[in-house]
C-alpha atoms as a PDB file:
ATOM      1  CA  MET A   1       0.057   0.054   0.036  1.00  0.00           C
ATOM      2  CA  ASP A   2       2.983   2.272   0.415  1.00  0.00           C
ATOM      3  CA  ASP A   3       3.197   2.778  -3.292  1.00  0.00           C
ATOM      4  CA  ALA A   4      -0.509   3.248  -3.742  1.00  0.00           C
ATOM      5  CA  ALA A   5      -1.082   6.061  -1.152  1.00  0.00           C
ATOM      6  CA  THR A   6       0.414   9.297  -0.072  1.00  0.00           C
ATOM      7  CA  THR A   7       2.438   8.980   2.997  1.00  0.00           C
ATOM      8  CA  PHE A   8       2.359  11.755   5.499  1.00  0.00           C
ATOM      9  CA  THR A   9       5.457  12.039   7.796  1.00  0.00           C
ATOM     10  CA  LYS A  10       5.140  13.810  11.189  1.00  0.00           C
ATOM     11  CA  SER A  11       7.828  13.669  13.923  1.00  0.00           C
ATOM     12  CA  GLY A  12       9.398  10.572  12.485  1.00  0.00           C
ATOM     13  CA  PHE A  13       6.073   8.726  12.132  1.00  0.00           C
ATOM     14  CA  ARG A  14       4.902   7.712   8.714  1.00  0.00           C
ATOM     15  CA  PHE A  15       1.058   7.722   8.342  1.00  0.00           C
ATOM     16  CA  ILE A  16      -1.092   6.270   5.604  1.00  0.00           C
ATOM     17  CA  PRO A  17      -4.844   7.312   5.827  1.00  0.00           C
ATOM     18  CA  PHE A  18      -7.510   5.122   4.419  1.00  0.00           C
ATOM     19  CA  VAL A  19      -9.943   7.952   3.714  1.00  0.00           C
ATOM     20  CA  SER A  20      -8.073  10.630   1.812  1.00  0.00           C
ATOM     21  CA  ARG A  21      -8.406  13.506  -0.550  1.00  0.00           C
ATOM     22  CA  GLU A  22      -5.993  11.752  -3.000  1.00  0.00           C
ATOM     23  CA  PHE A  23      -8.676   9.054  -3.569  1.00  0.00           C
ATOM     24  CA  ASN A  24     -11.640  11.470  -3.362  1.00  0.00           C
ATOM     25  CA  LEU A  25     -13.141   9.626  -0.331  1.00  0.00           C
ATOM     26  CA  VAL A  26     -15.138  10.914   2.626  1.00  0.00           C
ATOM     27  CA  CYS A  27     -17.053   9.013   5.309  1.00  0.00           C
ATOM     28  CA  ASN A  28     -19.882   8.918   7.646  1.00  0.00           C
ATOM     29  CA  LEU A  29     -19.535   7.617  11.175  1.00  0.00           C
ATOM     30  CA  GLU A  30     -22.045   5.856  13.415  1.00  0.00           C
ATOM     31  CA  ILE A  31     -20.726   6.185  16.966  1.00  0.00           C
ATOM     32  CA  LYS A  32     -21.901   4.438  20.095  1.00  0.00           C
ATOM     33  CA  MET A  33     -20.157   5.939  23.115  1.00  0.00           C
ATOM     34  CA  ALA A  34     -20.505   4.137  26.609  1.00  0.00           C
ATOM     35  CA  ARG A  35     -19.224   6.132  29.463  1.00  0.00           C
ATOM     36  CA  MET A  36     -19.189   6.121  33.235  1.00  0.00           C
ATOM     37  CA  GLY A  37     -22.058   7.857  35.072  1.00  0.00           C
ATOM     38  CA  GLU A  38     -25.712   8.214  34.237  1.00  0.00           C
ATOM     39  CA  ASP A  39     -27.037   9.278  30.903  1.00  0.00           C
ATOM     40  CA  GLY A  40     -27.764  13.006  30.758  1.00  0.00           C
ATOM     41  CA  ALA A  41     -25.605  13.611  33.834  1.00  0.00           C
ATOM     42  CA  THR A  42     -23.363  16.634  33.718  1.00  0.00           C
ATOM     43  CA  HIS A  43     -19.688  15.844  33.099  1.00  0.00           C
ATOM     44  CA  SER A  44     -16.781  18.128  33.002  1.00  0.00           C
ATOM     45  CA  ASP A  45     -15.564  16.224  29.829  1.00  0.00           C
ATOM     46  CA  ASP A  46     -18.781  16.587  27.793  1.00  0.00           C
ATOM     47  CA  ILE A  47     -19.704  14.888  24.607  1.00  0.00           C
ATOM     48  CA  ASP A  48     -18.525  17.648  22.121  1.00  0.00           C
ATOM     49  CA  SER A  49     -15.008  17.574  23.410  1.00  0.00           C
ATOM     50  CA  ARG A  50     -14.924  13.792  23.333  1.00  0.00           C
ATOM     51  CA  LEU A  51     -16.001  13.969  19.622  1.00  0.00           C
ATOM     52  CA  LYS A  52     -13.277  16.332  18.742  1.00  0.00           C
ATOM     53  CA  THR A  53     -10.710  14.046  20.554  1.00  0.00           C
ATOM     54  CA  LEU A  54     -12.166  11.011  18.705  1.00  0.00           C
ATOM     55  CA  PHE A  55     -12.014  12.663  15.284  1.00  0.00           C
ATOM     56  CA  ASP A  56      -8.435  13.843  15.991  1.00  0.00           C
ATOM     57  CA  SER A  57      -7.346  10.399  17.107  1.00  0.00           C
ATOM     58  CA  LEU A  58      -8.725   8.895  13.829  1.00  0.00           C
ATOM     59  CA  SER A  59      -6.690  11.338  11.721  1.00  0.00           C
ATOM     60  CA  VAL A  60      -3.088  12.010  10.698  1.00  0.00           C
ATOM     61  CA  PRO A  61      -1.813  14.551  13.283  1.00  0.00           C
ATOM     62  CA  ALA A  62      -2.166  18.080  12.180  1.00  0.00           C
ATOM     63  CA  ASP A  63       1.335  18.915  13.567  1.00  0.00           C
ATOM     64  CA  GLY A  64       4.143  17.237  15.612  1.00  0.00           C
ATOM     65  CA  ASP A  65       2.817  18.608  18.934  1.00  0.00           C
ATOM     66  CA  GLN A  66       0.397  15.687  19.173  1.00  0.00           C
ATOM     67  CA  LEU A  67       3.303  13.281  18.992  1.00  0.00           C
ATOM     68  CA  ARG A  68       5.642  15.166  21.361  1.00  0.00           C
ATOM     69  CA  GLY A  69       7.658  12.741  23.471  1.00  0.00           C
ATOM     70  CA  LEU A  70       6.816   9.674  21.359  1.00  0.00           C
ATOM     71  CA  THR A  71       9.197   7.673  19.180  1.00  0.00           C
ATOM     72  CA  PRO A  72       7.988   5.314  16.427  1.00  0.00           C
ATOM     73  CA  GLY A  73       8.886   1.738  16.763  1.00  0.00           C
ATOM     74  CA  SER A  74       9.682  -0.402  13.774  1.00  0.00           C
ATOM     75  CA  GLU A  75       6.388  -2.343  14.197  1.00  0.00           C
ATOM     76  CA  VAL A  76       4.351   0.790  13.486  1.00  0.00           C
ATOM     77  CA  THR A  77       5.909   1.954  10.254  1.00  0.00           C
ATOM     78  CA  PRO A  78       3.955   2.852   8.483  1.00  0.00           C
ATOM     79  CA  PHE A  79       1.039   3.773  10.922  1.00  0.00           C
ATOM     80  CA  TYR A  80      -2.314   3.240   9.201  1.00  0.00           C
ATOM     81  CA  CYS A  81      -5.200   5.513  10.250  1.00  0.00           C
ATOM     82  CA  LEU A  82      -8.693   6.205   9.112  1.00  0.00           C
ATOM     83  CA  LEU A  83      -8.515   9.862   8.027  1.00  0.00           C
ATOM     84  CA  GLU A  84      -6.246  12.173   6.322  1.00  0.00           C
ATOM     85  CA  HIS A  85      -8.018  15.055   8.047  1.00  0.00           C
ATOM     86  CA  ARG A  86     -11.082  15.214  10.292  1.00  0.00           C
ATOM     87  CA  SER A  87     -12.900  17.368   7.627  1.00  0.00           C
ATOM     88  CA  LEU A  88     -13.386  14.203   5.613  1.00  0.00           C
ATOM     89  CA  VAL A  89     -16.100  13.028   8.069  1.00  0.00           C
ATOM     90  CA  THR A  90     -19.126  14.429   6.298  1.00  0.00           C
ATOM     91  CA  GLY A  91     -21.740  13.219   8.722  1.00  0.00           C
ATOM     92  CA  PHE A  92     -22.002  11.376  11.928  1.00  0.00           C
ATOM     93  CA  GLU A  93     -24.714   9.880  14.252  1.00  0.00           C
ATOM     94  CA  ILE A  94     -23.973   9.495  17.939  1.00  0.00           C
ATOM     95  CA  GLY A  95     -25.550   7.597  20.765  1.00  0.00           C
ATOM     96  CA  THR A  96     -24.491   7.488  24.379  1.00  0.00           C
ATOM     97  CA  GLU A  97     -25.085   4.936  27.040  1.00  0.00           C
ATOM     98  CA  ARG A  98     -24.005   4.161  30.465  1.00  0.00           C
ATOM     99  CA  LEU A  99     -20.772   1.927  30.730  1.00  0.00           C
ATOM    100  CA  LEU A 100     -21.779  -0.743  33.138  1.00  0.00           C
ATOM    101  CA  GLU A 101     -18.448  -2.629  33.496  1.00  0.00           C
ATOM    102  CA  PRO A 102     -16.160  -1.599  36.368  1.00  0.00           C
ATOM    103  CA  ARG A 103     -13.447   0.851  35.454  1.00  0.00           C
ATOM    104  CA  SER A 104     -10.660   2.405  37.498  1.00  0.00           C
ATOM    105  CA  ASP A 105     -10.852   5.703  35.662  1.00  0.00           C
ATOM    106  CA  ALA A 106     -14.204   7.648  35.474  1.00  0.00           C
ATOM    107  CA  ALA A 107     -13.035   9.153  32.208  1.00  0.00           C
ATOM    108  CA  ASP A 108     -12.897   5.832  30.583  1.00  0.00           C
ATOM    109  CA  VAL A 109     -15.008   5.411  27.432  1.00  0.00           C
ATOM    110  CA  ARG A 110     -15.825   2.487  25.196  1.00  0.00           C
ATOM    111  CA  VAL A 111     -16.474   3.566  21.636  1.00  0.00           C
ATOM    112  CA  THR A 112     -17.955   1.502  18.800  1.00  0.00           C
ATOM    113  CA  LEU A 113     -17.804   2.890  15.303  1.00  0.00           C
ATOM    114  CA  VAL A 114     -19.392   1.958  12.041  1.00  0.00           C
ATOM    115  CA  VAL A 115     -17.674   3.671   9.150  1.00  0.00           C
ATOM    116  CA  THR A 116     -19.306   4.155   5.744  1.00  0.00           C
ATOM    117  CA  VAL A 117     -16.880   5.356   3.097  1.00  0.00           C
ATOM    118  CA  ARG A 118     -18.010   6.833  -0.275  1.00  0.00           C
ATOM    119  CA  PRO A 119     -16.370   8.700  -3.053  1.00  0.00           C
ATOM    120  CA  THR A 120     -16.987  12.357  -3.839  1.00  0.00           C
ATOM    121  CA  LYS A 121     -15.987  11.653  -7.466  1.00  0.00           C
ATOM    122  CA  ILE A 122     -15.729   8.192  -8.993  1.00  0.00           C
ATOM    123  CA  THR A 123     -12.316   7.340 -10.310  1.00  0.00           C
ATOM    124  CA  GLU A 124     -10.403   4.170 -11.246  1.00  0.00           C
ATOM    125  CA  GLU A 125      -8.821   4.128  -7.778  1.00  0.00           C
ATOM    126  CA  ASN A 126     -12.092   4.369  -5.809  1.00  0.00           C
ATOM    127  CA  TRP A 127     -14.757   2.738  -7.943  1.00  0.00           C
ATOM    128  CA  SER A 128     -15.108  -0.059  -5.489  1.00  0.00           C
ATOM    129  CA  PHE A 129     -16.551   2.286  -2.933  1.00  0.00           C
ATOM    130  CA  ALA A 130     -19.151   3.597  -5.294  1.00  0.00           C
ATOM    131  CA  GLY A 131     -21.369   0.527  -5.000  1.00  0.00           C
ATOM    132  CA  GLY A 132     -24.623   2.011  -3.743  1.00  0.00           C
ATOM    133  CA  TRP A 133     -23.811   5.591  -5.029  1.00  0.00           C
ATOM    134  CA  LEU A 134     -23.837   4.921  -8.728  1.00  0.00           C
END
């Protein structure tokens, strides 16, 4: 895949995103977020900040600051990630529920994602994603 996709290098890490501008791909996310505490309770770490963190964690880092203090190991070269940039998420649906399993940290969250990838323009490289969009 190294030859087929653009590699982004940040702080010594090489990233290859699955959803990228190069292949004219975007995606929708169905997100189920299970977290500690009761549904609807006030949390200092609310859902919108958790979403931004999630989208950033699925993407190639915007700059080296997100990788400060980390060194890539040979087993993570290249590092595959979902998104070239979080702007390639064109829609999302989110549901939250209470995390019932015991956790040591109240900030723990269990996230389940369903990703639907589609092309913005059909090309030879992305036609297999066009199935239901033709």
